[in-house]
Amino acid sequence: MQLDDYYEMNMEEFRKFRKEKTESEYLVVDVRFPEEYEEEHIPGCVLLPLAEINARLTELPADKDIIFYCHSGKRSRTASLFATSVPFFQKKYIILKAALSLLPIKPSPIILYCRFLILIQGFLSFSEPL
C-alpha cells in the first residue's frame, strides 16, 4: 500500500464526498465499541470495533473506498493503519477526523465514569499531602 491510499477528511468533506459518490462506491465503518454505536452512529454505517479489526479485515469489500470513523479520530487512524497493511486490498482508506465529536451525542456511562476518574486523579495530584 502506498501512503496516498489513506487520508483524512473532516465532516464537511465527508458530506461533500457522500453527495458526489453513490453508496455502492464506499463503506462507512464505525470502529467504536458496540455500546457507543448503539447510542449514536452515522446512518448506513457498519460496526466493526477496533478490537476486532485485524481478525475481520477480510470482511471489508475489496472494491470500495472505506471510511473509518470513531469519536475523535484516533481509533479510525489505527484501523486505517491495519487496513493498509493488507496488500491485496485495492481501495482507499479514509479517516473521518473527529466525526462524532462534532455531533450532539450523549456520552455513555463508561465515558462519563472515565472522565470522572481522570478528574479525581487530577484533583488528587494537586491537593496538598495530608
N, C-alpha and C. Protein backbone atom coordinates (compact mmCIF):
# COMPACT_ATOMS: atom_id res chain seq x y z
N MET A 1 0.84 -1.19 0.00
CA MET A 1 0.00 0.00 0.00
C MET A 1 0.89 1.24 0.00
N GLN A 2 0.49 2.22 -0.77
CA GLN A 2 1.21 3.47 -0.80
C GLN A 2 0.62 4.41 0.22
N LEU A 3 1.40 5.42 0.57
CA LEU A 3 0.96 6.38 1.56
C LEU A 3 -0.30 7.12 1.13
N ASP A 4 -0.48 7.32 -0.17
CA ASP A 4 -1.65 8.06 -0.63
C ASP A 4 -2.91 7.20 -0.67
N ASP A 5 -2.84 5.97 -0.19
CA ASP A 5 -4.00 5.10 -0.17
C ASP A 5 -4.89 5.35 1.05
N TYR A 6 -4.44 6.21 1.95
CA TYR A 6 -5.34 6.63 3.02
C TYR A 6 -5.09 8.09 3.36
N TYR A 7 -6.13 8.77 3.71
CA TYR A 7 -6.05 10.17 4.03
C TYR A 7 -7.17 10.53 4.99
N GLU A 8 -7.12 11.74 5.49
CA GLU A 8 -8.12 12.19 6.46
C GLU A 8 -9.08 13.18 5.83
N MET A 9 -10.30 13.19 6.32
CA MET A 9 -11.28 14.19 5.91
C MET A 9 -12.07 14.63 7.13
N ASN A 10 -12.57 15.84 7.08
CA ASN A 10 -13.41 16.33 8.17
C ASN A 10 -14.88 16.11 7.80
N MET A 11 -15.78 16.50 8.69
CA MET A 11 -17.20 16.24 8.46
C MET A 11 -17.74 16.98 7.23
N GLU A 12 -17.27 18.18 6.99
CA GLU A 12 -17.72 18.93 5.81
C GLU A 12 -17.28 18.20 4.53
N GLU A 13 -16.05 17.74 4.50
CA GLU A 13 -15.55 16.99 3.35
C GLU A 13 -16.31 15.67 3.19
N PHE A 14 -16.67 15.05 4.32
CA PHE A 14 -17.42 13.80 4.29
C PHE A 14 -18.81 14.02 3.67
N ARG A 15 -19.48 15.08 4.07
CA ARG A 15 -20.79 15.37 3.50
C ARG A 15 -20.70 15.58 1.98
N LYS A 16 -19.67 16.29 1.56
CA LYS A 16 -19.45 16.52 0.13
C LYS A 16 -19.16 15.20 -0.58
N PHE A 17 -18.32 14.37 0.04
CA PHE A 17 -17.97 13.06 -0.51
C PHE A 17 -19.23 12.23 -0.74
N ARG A 18 -20.12 12.21 0.25
CA ARG A 18 -21.35 11.42 0.15
C ARG A 18 -22.28 11.92 -0.95
N LYS A 19 -22.26 13.22 -1.20
CA LYS A 19 -23.08 13.78 -2.27
C LYS A 19 -22.54 13.42 -3.65
N GLU A 20 -21.21 13.34 -3.74
CA GLU A 20 -20.56 13.09 -5.04
C GLU A 20 -20.47 11.62 -5.40
N LYS A 21 -20.58 10.73 -4.43
CA LYS A 21 -20.43 9.29 -4.67
C LYS A 21 -21.76 8.58 -4.45
N THR A 22 -21.87 7.41 -5.03
CA THR A 22 -23.03 6.56 -4.73
C THR A 22 -22.65 5.65 -3.57
N GLU A 23 -23.65 5.16 -2.85
CA GLU A 23 -23.37 4.30 -1.70
C GLU A 23 -22.68 3.00 -2.10
N SER A 24 -22.78 2.61 -3.34
CA SER A 24 -22.12 1.38 -3.79
C SER A 24 -20.61 1.57 -3.98
N GLU A 25 -20.13 2.82 -3.91
CA GLU A 25 -18.71 3.10 -4.11
C GLU A 25 -17.90 3.16 -2.82
N TYR A 26 -18.57 3.20 -1.68
CA TYR A 26 -17.86 3.33 -0.41
C TYR A 26 -18.60 2.62 0.71
N LEU A 27 -17.89 2.41 1.81
CA LEU A 27 -18.47 1.81 3.00
C LEU A 27 -18.00 2.61 4.21
N VAL A 28 -18.93 3.01 5.06
CA VAL A 28 -18.61 3.73 6.28
C VAL A 28 -18.55 2.71 7.42
N VAL A 29 -17.42 2.69 8.13
CA VAL A 29 -17.19 1.70 9.18
C VAL A 29 -16.96 2.40 10.52
N ASP A 30 -17.80 2.09 11.48
CA ASP A 30 -17.70 2.61 12.84
C ASP A 30 -16.80 1.66 13.61
N VAL A 31 -15.67 2.16 14.13
CA VAL A 31 -14.71 1.30 14.83
C VAL A 31 -14.78 1.48 16.35
N ARG A 32 -15.88 2.04 16.83
CA ARG A 32 -16.04 2.23 18.27
C ARG A 32 -16.60 0.97 18.93
N PHE A 33 -16.78 1.03 20.24
CA PHE A 33 -17.37 -0.07 20.99
C PHE A 33 -18.85 -0.20 20.63
N PRO A 34 -19.41 -1.42 20.72
CA PRO A 34 -20.83 -1.61 20.42
C PRO A 34 -21.75 -0.70 21.23
N GLU A 35 -21.39 -0.44 22.49
CA GLU A 35 -22.21 0.43 23.34
C GLU A 35 -22.27 1.85 22.77
N GLU A 36 -21.14 2.32 22.27
CA GLU A 36 -21.10 3.66 21.68
C GLU A 36 -21.93 3.70 20.40
N TYR A 37 -21.82 2.64 19.61
CA TYR A 37 -22.57 2.53 18.36
C TYR A 37 -24.08 2.56 18.62
N GLU A 38 -24.52 1.83 19.66
CA GLU A 38 -25.94 1.77 19.97
C GLU A 38 -26.49 3.13 20.37
N GLU A 39 -25.67 3.93 21.03
CA GLU A 39 -26.14 5.25 21.45
C GLU A 39 -26.30 6.21 20.28
N GLU A 40 -25.36 6.18 19.34
CA GLU A 40 -25.40 7.09 18.20
C GLU A 40 -24.42 6.60 17.14
N HIS A 41 -24.84 6.67 15.90
CA HIS A 41 -23.94 6.32 14.80
C HIS A 41 -24.39 7.00 13.52
N ILE A 42 -23.50 7.04 12.57
CA ILE A 42 -23.81 7.63 11.27
C ILE A 42 -24.71 6.65 10.52
N PRO A 43 -25.85 7.12 10.03
CA PRO A 43 -26.77 6.22 9.30
C PRO A 43 -26.08 5.54 8.11
N GLY A 44 -26.33 4.25 7.97
CA GLY A 44 -25.78 3.49 6.86
C GLY A 44 -24.41 2.88 7.12
N CYS A 45 -23.86 3.13 8.29
CA CYS A 45 -22.53 2.57 8.57
C CYS A 45 -22.64 1.14 9.09
N VAL A 46 -21.50 0.46 9.12
CA VAL A 46 -21.43 -0.87 9.72
C VAL A 46 -20.52 -0.79 10.94
N LEU A 47 -20.79 -1.62 11.92
CA LEU A 47 -19.97 -1.66 13.13
C LEU A 47 -18.89 -2.71 12.99
N LEU A 48 -17.66 -2.29 13.18
CA LEU A 48 -16.51 -3.21 13.21
C LEU A 48 -15.55 -2.65 14.26
N PRO A 49 -15.75 -3.05 15.53
CA PRO A 49 -14.94 -2.49 16.61
C PRO A 49 -13.44 -2.67 16.35
N LEU A 50 -12.68 -1.69 16.76
CA LEU A 50 -11.23 -1.70 16.55
C LEU A 50 -10.60 -2.98 17.09
N ALA A 51 -11.08 -3.47 18.21
CA ALA A 51 -10.51 -4.69 18.80
C ALA A 51 -10.68 -5.91 17.89
N GLU A 52 -11.62 -5.85 16.96
CA GLU A 52 -11.88 -6.98 16.05
C GLU A 52 -11.36 -6.76 14.64
N ILE A 53 -10.81 -5.59 14.38
CA ILE A 53 -10.49 -5.22 13.00
C ILE A 53 -9.48 -6.14 12.35
N ASN A 54 -8.46 -6.54 13.08
CA ASN A 54 -7.41 -7.39 12.50
C ASN A 54 -7.99 -8.75 12.08
N ALA A 55 -8.83 -9.33 12.90
CA ALA A 55 -9.41 -10.65 12.60
C ALA A 55 -10.49 -10.59 11.53
N ARG A 56 -11.14 -9.43 11.38
CA ARG A 56 -12.28 -9.33 10.46
C ARG A 56 -12.02 -8.45 9.24
N LEU A 57 -10.78 -8.09 9.03
CA LEU A 57 -10.44 -7.18 7.93
C LEU A 57 -10.87 -7.71 6.57
N THR A 58 -10.84 -9.00 6.39
CA THR A 58 -11.22 -9.58 5.10
C THR A 58 -12.73 -9.49 4.83
N GLU A 59 -13.51 -9.12 5.82
CA GLU A 59 -14.95 -8.91 5.63
C GLU A 59 -15.24 -7.62 4.87
N LEU A 60 -14.26 -6.72 4.82
CA LEU A 60 -14.46 -5.46 4.13
C LEU A 60 -14.39 -5.68 2.62
N PRO A 61 -15.25 -5.01 1.87
CA PRO A 61 -15.25 -5.20 0.41
C PRO A 61 -13.96 -4.67 -0.21
N ALA A 62 -13.39 -5.44 -1.12
CA ALA A 62 -12.12 -5.07 -1.74
C ALA A 62 -12.27 -4.02 -2.83
N ASP A 63 -13.49 -3.75 -3.24
CA ASP A 63 -13.70 -2.84 -4.37
C ASP A 63 -14.32 -1.49 -3.98
N LYS A 64 -14.37 -1.18 -2.69
CA LYS A 64 -14.97 0.07 -2.24
C LYS A 64 -13.96 0.88 -1.43
N ASP A 65 -14.15 2.19 -1.44
CA ASP A 65 -13.41 3.03 -0.51
C ASP A 65 -13.99 2.80 0.88
N ILE A 66 -13.13 2.77 1.87
CA ILE A 66 -13.57 2.52 3.24
C ILE A 66 -13.35 3.80 4.05
N ILE A 67 -14.40 4.23 4.74
CA ILE A 67 -14.32 5.39 5.60
C ILE A 67 -14.45 4.91 7.04
N PHE A 68 -13.34 4.94 7.77
CA PHE A 68 -13.35 4.56 9.17
C PHE A 68 -13.67 5.79 10.01
N TYR A 69 -14.48 5.61 11.05
CA TYR A 69 -14.70 6.73 11.95
C TYR A 69 -14.88 6.25 13.38
N CYS A 70 -14.62 7.17 14.29
CA CYS A 70 -14.83 6.95 15.72
C CYS A 70 -15.24 8.30 16.30
N HIS A 71 -14.98 8.50 17.56
CA HIS A 71 -15.36 9.77 18.17
C HIS A 71 -14.34 10.87 17.89
N SER A 72 -13.07 10.58 18.05
CA SER A 72 -12.05 11.62 17.93
C SER A 72 -11.15 11.47 16.72
N GLY A 73 -11.08 10.26 16.14
CA GLY A 73 -10.19 10.02 15.01
C GLY A 73 -9.02 9.12 15.33
N LYS A 74 -8.77 8.86 16.60
CA LYS A 74 -7.63 8.02 16.99
C LYS A 74 -7.83 6.56 16.62
N ARG A 75 -8.99 6.02 16.96
CA ARG A 75 -9.26 4.61 16.63
C ARG A 75 -9.40 4.42 15.13
N SER A 76 -9.99 5.39 14.45
CA SER A 76 -10.14 5.25 12.99
C SER A 76 -8.78 5.31 12.31
N ARG A 77 -7.85 6.08 12.83
CA ARG A 77 -6.50 6.11 12.28
C ARG A 77 -5.83 4.75 12.46
N THR A 78 -5.98 4.16 13.63
CA THR A 78 -5.40 2.84 13.89
C THR A 78 -6.01 1.80 12.96
N ALA A 79 -7.32 1.85 12.78
CA ALA A 79 -7.99 0.91 11.86
C ALA A 79 -7.46 1.06 10.45
N SER A 80 -7.25 2.28 10.03
CA SER A 80 -6.73 2.54 8.70
C SER A 80 -5.31 1.99 8.54
N LEU A 81 -4.51 2.11 9.58
CA LEU A 81 -3.15 1.55 9.52
C LEU A 81 -3.19 0.03 9.40
N PHE A 82 -4.10 -0.61 10.13
CA PHE A 82 -4.28 -2.06 9.98
C PHE A 82 -4.67 -2.40 8.55
N ALA A 83 -5.62 -1.66 8.02
CA ALA A 83 -6.13 -1.94 6.68
C ALA A 83 -5.06 -1.75 5.60
N THR A 84 -4.24 -0.74 5.74
CA THR A 84 -3.20 -0.51 4.73
C THR A 84 -2.09 -1.53 4.81
N SER A 85 -2.04 -2.31 5.87
CA SER A 85 -1.01 -3.35 5.98
C SER A 85 -1.36 -4.60 5.18
N VAL A 86 -2.59 -4.68 4.68
CA VAL A 86 -3.01 -5.83 3.88
C VAL A 86 -2.83 -5.48 2.40
N PRO A 87 -1.86 -6.11 1.72
CA PRO A 87 -1.50 -5.68 0.37
C PRO A 87 -2.51 -6.00 -0.73
N PHE A 88 -3.41 -6.93 -0.54
CA PHE A 88 -4.29 -7.31 -1.64
C PHE A 88 -5.54 -6.45 -1.78
N PHE A 89 -5.77 -5.55 -0.85
CA PHE A 89 -6.91 -4.66 -0.98
C PHE A 89 -6.55 -3.52 -1.91
N GLN A 90 -7.42 -3.21 -2.84
CA GLN A 90 -7.18 -2.15 -3.82
C GLN A 90 -8.19 -1.03 -3.64
N LYS A 91 -8.12 -0.36 -2.52
CA LYS A 91 -9.08 0.72 -2.26
C LYS A 91 -8.44 1.80 -1.41
N LYS A 92 -9.13 2.87 -1.27
CA LYS A 92 -8.65 3.97 -0.44
C LYS A 92 -9.22 3.80 0.96
N TYR A 93 -8.45 4.21 1.94
CA TYR A 93 -8.90 4.20 3.33
C TYR A 93 -8.96 5.63 3.80
N ILE A 94 -10.08 6.01 4.33
CA ILE A 94 -10.30 7.39 4.73
C ILE A 94 -10.57 7.43 6.23
N ILE A 95 -9.92 8.34 6.88
CA ILE A 95 -10.13 8.53 8.31
C ILE A 95 -10.99 9.77 8.48
N LEU A 96 -12.13 9.59 9.05
CA LEU A 96 -13.03 10.71 9.30
C LEU A 96 -12.65 11.32 10.64
N LYS A 97 -12.01 12.47 10.59
CA LYS A 97 -11.49 13.11 11.79
C LYS A 97 -12.60 13.64 12.68
N ALA A 98 -12.54 13.31 13.92
CA ALA A 98 -13.46 13.83 14.94
C ALA A 98 -14.91 13.76 14.50
N ALA A 99 -15.27 12.66 13.90
CA ALA A 99 -16.61 12.53 13.32
C ALA A 99 -17.71 12.80 14.32
N LEU A 100 -17.68 12.10 15.40
CA LEU A 100 -18.79 12.21 16.34
C LEU A 100 -18.58 13.26 17.40
N SER A 101 -17.37 13.80 17.49
CA SER A 101 -17.18 14.88 18.45
C SER A 101 -17.87 16.14 17.97
N LEU A 102 -18.26 16.17 16.69
CA LEU A 102 -18.96 17.33 16.14
C LEU A 102 -20.48 17.18 16.20
N LEU A 103 -20.94 15.99 16.53
CA LEU A 103 -22.37 15.74 16.60
C LEU A 103 -22.83 15.79 18.05
N PRO A 104 -24.06 16.22 18.30
CA PRO A 104 -24.54 16.24 19.69
C PRO A 104 -24.86 14.82 20.16
N ILE A 105 -23.97 14.26 20.95
CA ILE A 105 -24.12 12.88 21.41
C ILE A 105 -24.05 12.84 22.93
N LYS A 106 -24.92 12.08 23.49
CA LYS A 106 -24.90 11.88 24.94
C LYS A 106 -23.80 10.87 25.25
N PRO A 107 -22.83 11.23 26.11
CA PRO A 107 -21.75 10.29 26.43
C PRO A 107 -22.27 9.05 27.15
N SER A 108 -21.64 7.92 26.90
CA SER A 108 -22.04 6.68 27.55
C SER A 108 -21.63 6.72 29.02
N PRO A 109 -22.24 5.89 29.86
CA PRO A 109 -21.85 5.83 31.26
C PRO A 109 -20.37 5.48 31.45
N ILE A 110 -19.84 4.65 30.56
CA ILE A 110 -18.42 4.28 30.64
C ILE A 110 -17.55 5.51 30.42
N ILE A 111 -17.88 6.30 29.42
CA ILE A 111 -17.13 7.52 29.12
C ILE A 111 -17.23 8.49 30.30
N LEU A 112 -18.43 8.66 30.84
CA LEU A 112 -18.60 9.57 31.97
C LEU A 112 -17.79 9.10 33.17
N TYR A 113 -17.77 7.79 33.42
CA TYR A 113 -17.01 7.26 34.54
C TYR A 113 -15.51 7.50 34.34
N CYS A 114 -15.02 7.28 33.12
CA CYS A 114 -13.60 7.51 32.83
C CYS A 114 -13.24 8.99 33.02
N ARG A 115 -14.13 9.87 32.56
CA ARG A 115 -13.89 11.30 32.75
C ARG A 115 -13.86 11.64 34.23
N PHE A 116 -14.73 11.01 35.02
CA PHE A 116 -14.77 11.24 36.46
C PHE A 116 -13.45 10.80 37.09
N LEU A 117 -12.95 9.62 36.71
CA LEU A 117 -11.69 9.13 37.27
C LEU A 117 -10.53 10.05 36.92
N ILE A 118 -10.51 10.56 35.70
CA ILE A 118 -9.46 11.49 35.29
C ILE A 118 -9.55 12.77 36.11
N LEU A 119 -10.76 13.25 36.31
CA LEU A 119 -10.96 14.46 37.10
C LEU A 119 -10.48 14.25 38.53
N ILE A 120 -10.86 13.14 39.14
CA ILE A 120 -10.45 12.84 40.52
C ILE A 120 -8.93 12.70 40.61
N GLN A 121 -8.33 12.01 39.64
CA GLN A 121 -6.89 11.84 39.64
C GLN A 121 -6.19 13.19 39.57
N GLY A 122 -6.69 14.08 38.72
CA GLY A 122 -6.11 15.43 38.61
C GLY A 122 -6.27 16.20 39.89
N PHE A 123 -7.43 16.07 40.53
CA PHE A 123 -7.68 16.76 41.79
C PHE A 123 -6.74 16.26 42.87
N LEU A 124 -6.57 14.94 42.96
CA LEU A 124 -5.72 14.38 43.99
C LEU A 124 -4.25 14.74 43.78
N SER A 125 -3.82 14.86 42.54
CA SER A 125 -2.42 15.18 42.29
C SER A 125 -2.11 16.63 42.63
N PHE A 126 -3.13 17.50 42.68
CA PHE A 126 -2.90 18.91 43.01
C PHE A 126 -3.19 19.22 44.47
N SER A 127 -3.77 18.27 45.19
CA SER A 127 -4.07 18.55 46.59
C SER A 127 -2.80 18.40 47.43
N GLU A 128 -2.80 19.07 48.55
CA GLU A 128 -1.65 19.01 49.45
C GLU A 128 -1.62 17.68 50.18
N PRO A 129 -0.41 17.20 50.52
CA PRO A 129 -0.35 15.93 51.27
C PRO A 129 -0.98 16.09 52.64
N LEU A 130 -1.59 15.02 53.12
CA LEU A 130 -2.25 15.05 54.44
C LEU A 130 -1.26 14.95 55.56
